């Protein structure tokens, strides 16, 4: 229900964007999409994040439709349109937002009782970085799709040689060097 309303609102605003802007310049329209449409699709995403492929595709359809309406991109595939317009897929961006939130939780930047939702491996020697999250064994889909269970495997696979955990800004900057596309479809 929420996702259907969100997608309908975003598509409606995308139509308004194309009616209000006289230019069809890809860069101008891309900035307008990033400024006016994308925040609707990303607000509190980690809380309501869908895990079903059909729902993810429904959200992704907003960006797919937007890039297809730009005349110079119409002959390209969706992945090629994203590259040509210098946009990252919403699925890719949502993964980044999830990783940012997990960083904030682990390093106490959010008012969350860390022990109630996750546990760090701490002194257990592991390969990679020292902030790995222990995953609980899940027996039902409710727990399998829980935020930590969904994001921790990707978090744990972040390479210590590239990712800088010293500050949130450094983390965000270094995360851009990691190829997160292997965890997404686009």
Protein backbone atom coordinates (compact mmCIF):
# COMPACT_ATOMS: atom_id res chain seq x y z
CA UNK A 1 0.00 0.00 0.00
CA UNK A 2 2.69 2.50 1.03
CA UNK A 3 4.91 1.63 -1.93
CA UNK A 4 2.03 1.94 -4.41
CA UNK A 5 1.16 5.40 -3.07
CA UNK A 6 4.81 6.45 -3.06
CA UNK A 7 5.40 5.28 -6.64
CA UNK A 8 2.20 6.95 -7.87
CA UNK A 9 3.20 10.25 -6.23
CA UNK A 10 6.76 10.06 -7.61
CA UNK A 11 5.54 9.27 -11.13
CA UNK A 12 3.04 12.13 -10.92
CA UNK A 13 5.82 14.51 -9.87
CA UNK A 14 8.02 13.18 -12.68
CA UNK A 15 5.27 14.07 -15.15
CA UNK A 16 5.08 17.55 -13.63
CA UNK A 17 8.83 17.87 -13.96
CA UNK A 18 8.66 17.19 -17.71
CA UNK A 19 5.73 19.61 -18.13
CA UNK A 20 7.37 22.41 -16.12
CA UNK A 21 10.85 22.27 -17.64
CA UNK A 22 11.07 23.51 -21.20
CA UNK A 23 14.56 22.13 -21.65
CA UNK A 24 15.19 18.48 -22.43
CA UNK A 25 18.83 18.73 -21.48
CA UNK A 26 19.80 15.48 -19.78
CA UNK A 27 21.94 17.19 -17.11
CA UNK A 28 19.27 19.71 -16.11
CA UNK A 29 16.54 17.09 -15.93
CA UNK A 30 18.86 14.73 -14.02
CA UNK A 31 19.53 17.40 -11.40
CA UNK A 32 15.81 18.13 -11.15
CA UNK A 33 15.10 14.41 -10.65
CA UNK A 34 17.78 14.20 -7.94
CA UNK A 35 16.41 17.31 -6.23
CA UNK A 36 12.64 16.75 -6.43
CA UNK A 37 11.86 13.09 -7.05
CA UNK A 38 14.61 10.99 -5.50
CA UNK A 39 14.12 12.33 -1.94
CA UNK A 40 10.54 11.02 -2.03
CA UNK A 41 11.83 7.55 -2.84
CA UNK A 42 14.61 7.62 -0.25
CA UNK A 43 12.99 9.23 2.79
CA UNK A 44 13.22 6.78 5.74
CA UNK A 45 13.95 4.02 3.24
CA UNK A 46 15.83 1.79 5.69
CA UNK A 47 12.68 1.59 7.81
CA UNK A 48 10.18 0.56 5.12
CA UNK A 49 12.65 -1.08 2.74
CA UNK A 50 11.02 -3.76 0.59
CA UNK A 51 12.74 -7.11 0.14
CA UNK A 52 10.51 -8.57 -2.55
CA UNK A 53 11.85 -8.17 -6.08
CA UNK A 54 8.46 -7.03 -7.41
CA UNK A 55 8.28 -4.16 -4.92
CA UNK A 56 11.89 -3.15 -5.58
CA UNK A 57 11.11 -3.14 -9.31
CA UNK A 58 8.02 -1.00 -8.70
CA UNK A 59 10.14 1.63 -6.95
CA UNK A 60 12.85 1.31 -9.60
CA UNK A 61 10.20 1.87 -12.31
CA UNK A 62 10.09 5.57 -11.40
CA UNK A 63 13.72 6.04 -12.38
CA UNK A 64 13.36 3.68 -15.33
CA UNK A 65 10.43 5.73 -16.65
CA UNK A 66 12.22 9.03 -16.00
CA UNK A 67 15.35 8.04 -17.95
CA UNK A 68 13.23 6.63 -20.77
CA UNK A 69 11.46 9.99 -21.22
CA UNK A 70 14.74 11.74 -22.04
CA UNK A 71 14.85 11.61 -25.84
CA UNK A 72 18.62 11.11 -26.25
CA UNK A 73 18.47 8.05 -23.97
CA UNK A 74 15.40 6.28 -25.34
CA UNK A 75 17.30 3.84 -27.55
CA UNK A 76 19.53 2.64 -24.69
CA UNK A 77 18.94 -0.11 -22.17
CA UNK A 78 18.12 0.90 -18.60
CA UNK A 79 21.68 0.25 -17.36
CA UNK A 80 23.11 2.25 -20.25
CA UNK A 81 20.65 5.10 -19.58
CA UNK A 82 21.81 5.23 -15.95
CA UNK A 83 25.44 5.38 -17.00
CA UNK A 84 24.81 8.01 -19.70
CA UNK A 85 22.80 10.22 -17.33
CA UNK A 86 25.36 9.75 -14.54
CA UNK A 87 22.71 8.37 -12.16
CA UNK A 88 23.03 5.43 -9.81
CA UNK A 89 20.09 3.07 -9.62
CA UNK A 90 17.73 3.55 -6.71
CA UNK A 91 18.51 0.00 -5.61
CA UNK A 92 22.22 0.88 -5.48
CA UNK A 93 21.55 4.11 -3.57
CA UNK A 94 19.25 2.34 -1.12
CA UNK A 95 22.01 -0.13 -0.36
CA UNK A 96 24.36 2.78 0.36
CA UNK A 97 21.76 4.36 2.65
CA UNK A 98 21.42 1.07 4.53
CA UNK A 99 25.19 0.87 4.99
CA UNK A 100 25.28 4.49 6.22
CA UNK A 101 22.59 3.72 8.79
CA UNK A 102 24.40 0.60 9.99
CA UNK A 103 27.57 2.66 10.39
CA UNK A 104 25.67 5.22 12.47
CA UNK A 105 24.17 2.48 14.65
CA UNK A 106 27.50 0.72 15.25
CA UNK A 107 29.37 3.92 16.07
CA UNK A 108 26.65 5.36 18.32
CA UNK A 109 25.50 8.14 16.04
CA UNK A 110 21.86 6.99 16.43
CA UNK A 111 19.82 6.65 19.59
CA UNK A 112 19.55 2.87 19.27
CA UNK A 113 20.31 0.22 21.87
CA UNK A 114 23.03 -1.60 19.95
CA UNK A 115 22.73 -4.79 22.00
CA UNK A 116 19.04 -5.13 21.22
CA UNK A 117 19.45 -5.36 17.44
CA UNK A 118 22.96 -6.63 16.71
CA UNK A 119 26.22 -7.83 18.17
CA UNK A 120 29.71 -7.18 16.91
CA UNK A 121 32.28 -9.92 16.62
CA UNK A 122 34.58 -7.84 18.80
CA UNK A 123 37.69 -9.75 19.85
CA UNK A 124 37.00 -12.72 17.57
CA UNK A 125 39.78 -12.65 14.97
CA UNK A 126 38.31 -12.34 11.48
CA UNK A 127 39.49 -11.53 8.01
CA UNK A 128 38.61 -8.07 6.79
CA UNK A 129 37.63 -5.20 9.06
CA UNK A 130 37.15 -5.44 12.82
CA UNK A 131 33.56 -4.12 12.88
CA UNK A 132 31.91 -7.25 11.52
CA UNK A 133 28.38 -7.99 12.69
CA UNK A 134 27.37 -11.42 13.93
CA UNK A 135 24.32 -12.79 12.16
CA UNK A 136 21.65 -14.68 14.04
CA UNK A 137 20.19 -17.91 12.74
CA UNK A 138 16.76 -17.11 11.33
CA UNK A 139 13.91 -19.56 10.99
CA UNK A 140 11.28 -17.30 9.41
CA UNK A 141 11.14 -14.65 6.69
CA UNK A 142 10.26 -11.90 9.13
CA UNK A 143 13.68 -12.16 10.76
CA UNK A 144 15.51 -12.89 7.49
CA UNK A 145 14.27 -9.57 6.09
CA UNK A 146 15.07 -7.58 9.24
CA UNK A 147 17.39 -4.62 8.62
CA UNK A 148 20.51 -6.10 10.25
CA UNK A 149 20.07 -9.55 8.66
CA UNK A 150 19.63 -7.89 5.27
CA UNK A 151 22.54 -5.45 5.46
CA UNK A 152 25.12 -7.25 7.65
CA UNK A 153 26.39 -9.70 4.99
CA UNK A 154 27.24 -6.78 2.72
CA UNK A 155 28.69 -4.79 5.64
CA UNK A 156 30.85 -7.76 6.65
CA UNK A 157 32.18 -8.13 3.11
CA UNK A 158 33.45 -4.53 2.90
CA UNK A 159 37.21 -4.62 2.29
CA UNK A 160 39.27 -3.21 5.16
CA UNK A 161 41.91 -2.04 2.70
CA UNK A 162 39.48 0.35 1.02
CA UNK A 163 36.85 1.30 3.59
CA UNK A 164 37.86 3.91 6.18
CA UNK A 165 35.88 3.62 9.41
CA UNK A 166 37.60 6.56 11.16
CA UNK A 167 34.72 9.02 10.61
CA UNK A 168 31.35 9.02 8.91
CA UNK A 169 32.57 11.37 6.20
CA UNK A 170 35.60 9.17 5.54
CA UNK A 171 33.36 6.11 5.47
CA UNK A 172 31.02 7.67 2.90
CA UNK A 173 33.93 8.80 0.75
CA UNK A 174 35.68 5.43 0.86
CA UNK A 175 32.44 3.51 0.24
CA UNK A 176 32.29 5.19 -3.18
CA UNK A 177 35.45 3.25 -4.08
CA UNK A 178 33.78 -0.10 -3.36
CA UNK A 179 31.89 -1.82 -6.17
CA UNK A 180 28.47 -2.29 -4.56
CA UNK A 181 26.94 -3.18 -7.93
CA UNK A 182 27.74 -6.84 -7.27
CA UNK A 183 24.97 -6.73 -4.63
CA UNK A 184 22.38 -5.09 -6.91
CA UNK A 185 20.79 -5.92 -10.24
CA UNK A 186 21.42 -2.50 -11.86
